[in-house]
Amino acid sequence: MEDLSLPVPDFHLINQLVEAQMEENNENSQREKRLMGEMMLAQLNDGQRVAFHTGEDAECLKV
């Protein structure tokens, strides 16, 4: 008679692999969010500098 038994998957190993991938994705996501925040802060700072240095304030800086 033919043996039709299938190997039993190693659920512990599968779980470890899934958790490792989720941690890696979380680290990448945190890195991307930090970079996006830094870029937004730089744009805000540039915008504030432009607003501050326009008009009469710009005249004061020419001294």
PDB file of N, CA and C in Angstrom:
ATOM      1  N   MET A   1       0.836  -1.179   0.000  1.00  0.00           N
ATOM      2  CA  MET A   1       0.000   0.000   0.000  1.00  0.00           C
ATOM      3  C   MET A   1       0.888   1.252   0.000  1.00  0.00           C
ATOM      4  N   GLU A   2       0.451   2.296  -0.694  1.00  0.00           N
ATOM      5  CA  GLU A   2       1.213   3.535  -0.828  1.00  0.00           C
ATOM      6  C   GLU A   2       1.075   4.386   0.434  1.00  0.00           C
ATOM      7  N   ASP A   3       2.207   4.966   0.873  1.00  0.00           N
ATOM      8  CA  ASP A   3       2.208   5.826   2.071  1.00  0.00           C
ATOM      9  C   ASP A   3       1.864   7.254   1.642  1.00  0.00           C
ATOM     10  N   LEU A   4       0.696   7.744   2.060  1.00  0.00           N
ATOM     11  CA  LEU A   4       0.233   9.074   1.676  1.00  0.00           C
ATOM     12  C   LEU A   4       0.372  10.089   2.802  1.00  0.00           C
ATOM     13  N   SER A   5       1.137   9.774   3.826  1.00  0.00           N
ATOM     14  CA  SER A   5       1.270  10.699   4.955  1.00  0.00           C
ATOM     15  C   SER A   5       2.121  11.894   4.542  1.00  0.00           C
ATOM     16  N   LEU A   6       1.694  13.034   4.990  1.00  0.00           N
ATOM     17  CA  LEU A   6       2.405  14.276   4.699  1.00  0.00           C
ATOM     18  C   LEU A   6       3.233  14.674   5.911  1.00  0.00           C
ATOM     19  N   PRO A   7       4.343  15.366   5.679  1.00  0.00           N
ATOM     20  CA  PRO A   7       5.147  15.806   6.816  1.00  0.00           C
ATOM     21  C   PRO A   7       4.376  16.850   7.624  1.00  0.00           C
ATOM     22  N   VAL A   8       4.579  16.802   8.920  1.00  0.00           N
ATOM     23  CA  VAL A   8       3.923  17.764   9.804  1.00  0.00           C
ATOM     24  C   VAL A   8       4.747  19.047   9.795  1.00  0.00           C
ATOM     25  N   PRO A   9       4.103  20.189   9.488  1.00  0.00           N
ATOM     26  CA  PRO A   9       4.859  21.449   9.465  1.00  0.00           C
ATOM     27  C   PRO A   9       5.341  21.828  10.865  1.00  0.00           C
ATOM     28  N   ASP A  10       6.487  22.480  10.911  1.00  0.00           N
ATOM     29  CA  ASP A  10       7.061  22.937  12.175  1.00  0.00           C
ATOM     30  C   ASP A  10       6.467  24.315  12.482  1.00  0.00           C
ATOM     31  N   PHE A  11       5.347  24.318  13.226  1.00  0.00           N
ATOM     32  CA  PHE A  11       4.640  25.564  13.498  1.00  0.00           C
ATOM     33  C   PHE A  11       5.470  26.522  14.346  1.00  0.00           C
ATOM     34  N   HIS A  12       6.312  25.992  15.211  1.00  0.00           N
ATOM     35  CA  HIS A  12       7.164  26.866  16.030  1.00  0.00           C
ATOM     36  C   HIS A  12       8.129  27.635  15.134  1.00  0.00           C
ATOM     37  N   LEU A  13       8.750  26.945  14.194  1.00  0.00           N
ATOM     38  CA  LEU A  13       9.676  27.597  13.261  1.00  0.00           C
ATOM     39  C   LEU A  13       8.938  28.605  12.387  1.00  0.00           C
ATOM     40  N   ILE A  14       7.764  28.231  11.903  1.00  0.00           N
ATOM     41  CA  ILE A  14       6.973  29.142  11.082  1.00  0.00           C
ATOM     42  C   ILE A  14       6.645  30.398  11.874  1.00  0.00           C
ATOM     43  N   ASN A  15       6.237  30.231  13.121  1.00  0.00           N
ATOM     44  CA  ASN A  15       5.907  31.370  13.978  1.00  0.00           C
ATOM     45  C   ASN A  15       7.124  32.266  14.191  1.00  0.00           C
ATOM     46  N   GLN A  16       8.288  31.670  14.415  1.00  0.00           N
ATOM     47  CA  GLN A  16       9.522  32.455  14.597  1.00  0.00           C
ATOM     48  C   GLN A  16       9.830  33.270  13.346  1.00  0.00           C
ATOM     49  N   LEU A  17       9.682  32.657  12.186  1.00  0.00           N
ATOM     50  CA  LEU A  17       9.957  33.358  10.927  1.00  0.00           C
ATOM     51  C   LEU A  17       8.981  34.519  10.719  1.00  0.00           C
ATOM     52  N   VAL A  18       7.714  34.284  11.016  1.00  0.00           N
ATOM     53  CA  VAL A  18       6.704  35.334  10.867  1.00  0.00           C
ATOM     54  C   VAL A  18       6.998  36.482  11.828  1.00  0.00           C
ATOM     55  N   GLU A  19       7.312  36.171  13.085  1.00  0.00           N
ATOM     56  CA  GLU A  19       7.611  37.215  14.069  1.00  0.00           C
ATOM     57  C   GLU A  19       8.850  38.010  13.674  1.00  0.00           C
ATOM     58  N   ALA A  20       9.874  37.322  13.168  1.00  0.00           N
ATOM     59  CA  ALA A  20      11.100  38.011  12.744  1.00  0.00           C
ATOM     60  C   ALA A  20      10.792  38.975  11.596  1.00  0.00           C
ATOM     61  N   GLN A  21       9.955  38.533  10.659  1.00  0.00           N
ATOM     62  CA  GLN A  21       9.593  39.399   9.533  1.00  0.00           C
ATOM     63  C   GLN A  21       8.789  40.601  10.016  1.00  0.00           C
ATOM     64  N   MET A  22       7.890  40.378  10.968  1.00  0.00           N
ATOM     65  CA  MET A  22       7.082  41.474  11.501  1.00  0.00           C
ATOM     66  C   MET A  22       7.961  42.485  12.231  1.00  0.00           C
ATOM     67  N   GLU A  23       8.954  42.010  12.995  1.00  0.00           N
ATOM     68  CA  GLU A  23       9.875  42.923  13.686  1.00  0.00           C
ATOM     69  C   GLU A  23      10.668  43.741  12.679  1.00  0.00           C
ATOM     70  N   GLU A  24      11.142  43.089  11.626  1.00  0.00           N
ATOM     71  CA  GLU A  24      11.919  43.790  10.599  1.00  0.00           C
ATOM     72  C   GLU A  24      11.051  44.851   9.926  1.00  0.00           C
ATOM     73  N   ASN A  25       9.802  44.498   9.610  1.00  0.00           N
ATOM     74  CA  ASN A  25       8.893  45.463   8.992  1.00  0.00           C
ATOM     75  C   ASN A  25       8.623  46.624   9.938  1.00  0.00           C
ATOM     76  N   ASN A  26       8.483  46.343  11.237  1.00  0.00           N
ATOM     77  CA  ASN A  26       8.225  47.378  12.231  1.00  0.00           C
ATOM     78  C   ASN A  26       9.423  48.324  12.333  1.00  0.00           C
ATOM     79  N   GLU A  27      10.636  47.766  12.323  1.00  0.00           N
ATOM     80  CA  GLU A  27      11.842  48.595  12.377  1.00  0.00           C
ATOM     81  C   GLU A  27      11.930  49.477  11.139  1.00  0.00           C
ATOM     82  N   ASN A  28      11.634  48.906   9.975  1.00  0.00           N
ATOM     83  CA  ASN A  28      11.660  49.690   8.733  1.00  0.00           C
ATOM     84  C   ASN A  28      10.603  50.781   8.776  1.00  0.00           C
ATOM     85  N   SER A  29       9.434  50.441   9.287  1.00  0.00           N
ATOM     86  CA  SER A  29       8.344  51.417   9.375  1.00  0.00           C
ATOM     87  C   SER A  29       8.734  52.560  10.310  1.00  0.00           C
ATOM     88  N   GLN A  30       9.338  52.227  11.448  1.00  0.00           N
ATOM     89  CA  GLN A  30       9.768  53.264  12.391  1.00  0.00           C
ATOM     90  C   GLN A  30      10.829  54.153  11.757  1.00  0.00           C
ATOM     91  N   ARG A  31      11.757  53.561  11.028  1.00  0.00           N
ATOM     92  CA  ARG A  31      12.812  54.320  10.364  1.00  0.00           C
ATOM     93  C   ARG A  31      12.203  55.271   9.326  1.00  0.00           C
ATOM     94  N   GLU A  32      11.231  54.751   8.545  1.00  0.00           N
ATOM     95  CA  GLU A  32      10.586  55.584   7.531  1.00  0.00           C
ATOM     96  C   GLU A  32       9.802  56.725   8.176  1.00  0.00           C
ATOM     97  N   LYS A  33       9.105  56.445   9.275  1.00  0.00           N
ATOM     98  CA  LYS A  33       8.340  57.490   9.966  1.00  0.00           C
ATOM     99  C   LYS A  33       9.274  58.547  10.537  1.00  0.00           C
ATOM    100  N   ARG A  34      10.406  58.130  11.092  1.00  0.00           N
ATOM    101  CA  ARG A  34      11.370  59.081  11.641  1.00  0.00           C
ATOM    102  C   ARG A  34      11.915  59.966  10.535  1.00  0.00           C
ATOM    103  N   LEU A  35      12.265  59.370   9.402  1.00  0.00           N
ATOM    104  CA  LEU A  35      12.790  60.131   8.269  1.00  0.00           C
ATOM    105  C   LEU A  35      11.746  61.116   7.750  1.00  0.00           C
ATOM    106  N   MET A  36      10.487  60.661   7.645  1.00  0.00           N
ATOM    107  CA  MET A  36       9.419  61.545   7.177  1.00  0.00           C
ATOM    108  C   MET A  36       9.234  62.706   8.152  1.00  0.00           C
ATOM    109  N   GLY A  37       9.284  62.433   9.444  1.00  0.00           N
ATOM    110  CA  GLY A  37       9.160  63.494  10.448  1.00  0.00           C
ATOM    111  C   GLY A  37      10.292  64.499  10.351  1.00  0.00           C
ATOM    112  N   GLU A  38      11.510  64.008  10.147  1.00  0.00           N
ATOM    113  CA  GLU A  38      12.657  64.902  10.014  1.00  0.00           C
ATOM    114  C   GLU A  38      12.510  65.780   8.776  1.00  0.00           C
ATOM    115  N   MET A  39      12.025  65.185   7.674  1.00  0.00           N
ATOM    116  CA  MET A  39      11.839  65.968   6.448  1.00  0.00           C
ATOM    117  C   MET A  39      10.758  67.028   6.643  1.00  0.00           C
ATOM    118  N   MET A  40       9.662  66.654   7.312  1.00  0.00           N
ATOM    119  CA  MET A  40       8.591  67.615   7.548  1.00  0.00           C
ATOM    120  C   MET A  40       9.062  68.738   8.469  1.00  0.00           C
ATOM    121  N   LEU A  41       9.864  68.407   9.468  1.00  0.00           N
ATOM    122  CA  LEU A  41      10.397  69.412  10.378  1.00  0.00           C
ATOM    123  C   LEU A  41      11.327  70.369   9.635  1.00  0.00           C
ATOM    124  N   ALA A  42      12.151  69.837   8.752  1.00  0.00           N
ATOM    125  CA  ALA A  42      13.051  70.688   7.971  1.00  0.00           C
ATOM    126  C   ALA A  42      12.250  71.639   7.089  1.00  0.00           C
ATOM    127  N   GLN A  43      11.172  71.138   6.475  1.00  0.00           N
ATOM    128  CA  GLN A  43      10.339  72.001   5.636  1.00  0.00           C
ATOM    129  C   GLN A  43       9.671  73.073   6.484  1.00  0.00           C
ATOM    130  N   LEU A  44       9.200  72.701   7.658  1.00  0.00           N
ATOM    131  CA  LEU A  44       8.567  73.669   8.551  1.00  0.00           C
ATOM    132  C   LEU A  44       9.577  74.740   8.956  1.00  0.00           C
ATOM    133  N   ASN A  45      10.768  74.308   9.309  1.00  0.00           N
ATOM    134  CA  ASN A  45      11.805  75.267   9.704  1.00  0.00           C
ATOM    135  C   ASN A  45      12.143  76.205   8.556  1.00  0.00           C
ATOM    136  N   ASP A  46      12.235  75.679   7.346  1.00  0.00           N
ATOM    137  CA  ASP A  46      12.507  76.525   6.176  1.00  0.00           C
ATOM    138  C   ASP A  46      11.378  77.531   5.978  1.00  0.00           C
ATOM    139  N   GLY A  47      10.136  77.060   6.118  1.00  0.00           N
ATOM    140  CA  GLY A  47       8.986  77.941   5.955  1.00  0.00           C
ATOM    141  C   GLY A  47       8.962  79.030   7.004  1.00  0.00           C
ATOM    142  N   GLN A  48       9.313  78.697   8.233  1.00  0.00           N
ATOM    143  CA  GLN A  48       9.351  79.693   9.298  1.00  0.00           C
ATOM    144  C   GLN A  48      10.455  80.707   9.042  1.00  0.00           C
ATOM    145  N   ARG A  49      11.605  80.245   8.564  1.00  0.00           N
ATOM    146  CA  ARG A  49      12.705  81.152   8.270  1.00  0.00           C
ATOM    147  C   ARG A  49      12.311  82.128   7.177  1.00  0.00           C
ATOM    148  N   VAL A  50      11.653  81.617   6.136  1.00  0.00           N
ATOM    149  CA  VAL A  50      11.220  82.478   5.035  1.00  0.00           C
ATOM    150  C   VAL A  50      10.218  83.498   5.545  1.00  0.00           C
ATOM    151  N   ALA A  51       9.252  83.055   6.346  1.00  0.00           N
ATOM    152  CA  ALA A  51       8.236  83.970   6.868  1.00  0.00           C
ATOM    153  C   ALA A  51       8.867  85.006   7.786  1.00  0.00           C
ATOM    154  N   PHE A  52       9.844  84.596   8.570  1.00  0.00           N
ATOM    155  CA  PHE A  52      10.486  85.496   9.510  1.00  0.00           C
ATOM    156  C   PHE A  52      11.328  86.538   8.787  1.00  0.00           C
ATOM    157  N   HIS A  53      11.987  86.113   7.692  1.00  0.00           N
ATOM    158  CA  HIS A  53      12.922  86.993   6.999  1.00  0.00           C
ATOM    159  C   HIS A  53      12.271  87.817   5.891  1.00  0.00           C
ATOM    160  N   THR A  54      10.956  87.793   5.790  1.00  0.00           N
ATOM    161  CA  THR A  54      10.293  88.617   4.773  1.00  0.00           C
ATOM    162  C   THR A  54       9.901  89.956   5.382  1.00  0.00           C
ATOM    163  N   GLY A  55       9.705  90.922   4.540  1.00  0.00           N
ATOM    164  CA  GLY A  55       9.222  92.225   4.996  1.00  0.00           C
ATOM    165  C   GLY A  55      10.261  92.980   5.810  1.00  0.00           C
ATOM    166  N   GLU A  56       9.811  93.587   6.893  1.00  0.00           N
ATOM    167  CA  GLU A  56      10.677  94.443   7.708  1.00  0.00           C
ATOM    168  C   GLU A  56      11.792  93.655   8.371  1.00  0.00           C
ATOM    169  N   ASP A  57      11.536  92.396   8.704  1.00  0.00           N
ATOM    170  CA  ASP A  57      12.557  91.597   9.358  1.00  0.00           C
ATOM    171  C   ASP A  57      13.769  91.422   8.441  1.00  0.00           C
ATOM    172  N   ALA A  58      13.512  91.286   7.141  1.00  0.00           N
ATOM    173  CA  ALA A  58      14.612  91.126   6.187  1.00  0.00           C
ATOM    174  C   ALA A  58      15.461  92.393   6.146  1.00  0.00           C
ATOM    175  N   GLU A  59      14.841  93.556   6.284  1.00  0.00           N
ATOM    176  CA  GLU A  59      15.581  94.809   6.294  1.00  0.00           C
ATOM    177  C   GLU A  59      16.508  94.889   7.496  1.00  0.00           C
ATOM    178  N   CYS A  60      16.077  94.382   8.634  1.00  0.00           N
ATOM    179  CA  CYS A  60      16.900  94.421   9.837  1.00  0.00           C
ATOM    180  C   CYS A  60      18.139  93.544   9.681  1.00  0.00           C
ATOM    181  N   LEU A  61      18.029  92.478   8.908  1.00  0.00           N
ATOM    182  CA  LEU A  61      19.154  91.550   8.762  1.00  0.00           C
ATOM    183  C   LEU A  61      20.220  92.080   7.817  1.00  0.00           C
ATOM    184  N   LYS A  62      19.930  93.103   7.037  1.00  0.00           N
ATOM    185  CA  LYS A  62      20.879  93.637   6.074  1.00  0.00           C
ATOM    186  C   LYS A  62      21.954  94.515   6.719  1.00  0.00           C
ATOM    187  N   VAL A  63      21.850  94.716   7.986  1.00  0.00           N
ATOM    188  CA  VAL A  63      22.769  95.612   8.685  1.00  0.00           C
ATOM    189  C   VAL A  63      24.189  95.139   8.616  1.00  0.00           C
TER     190      VAL A  63
END
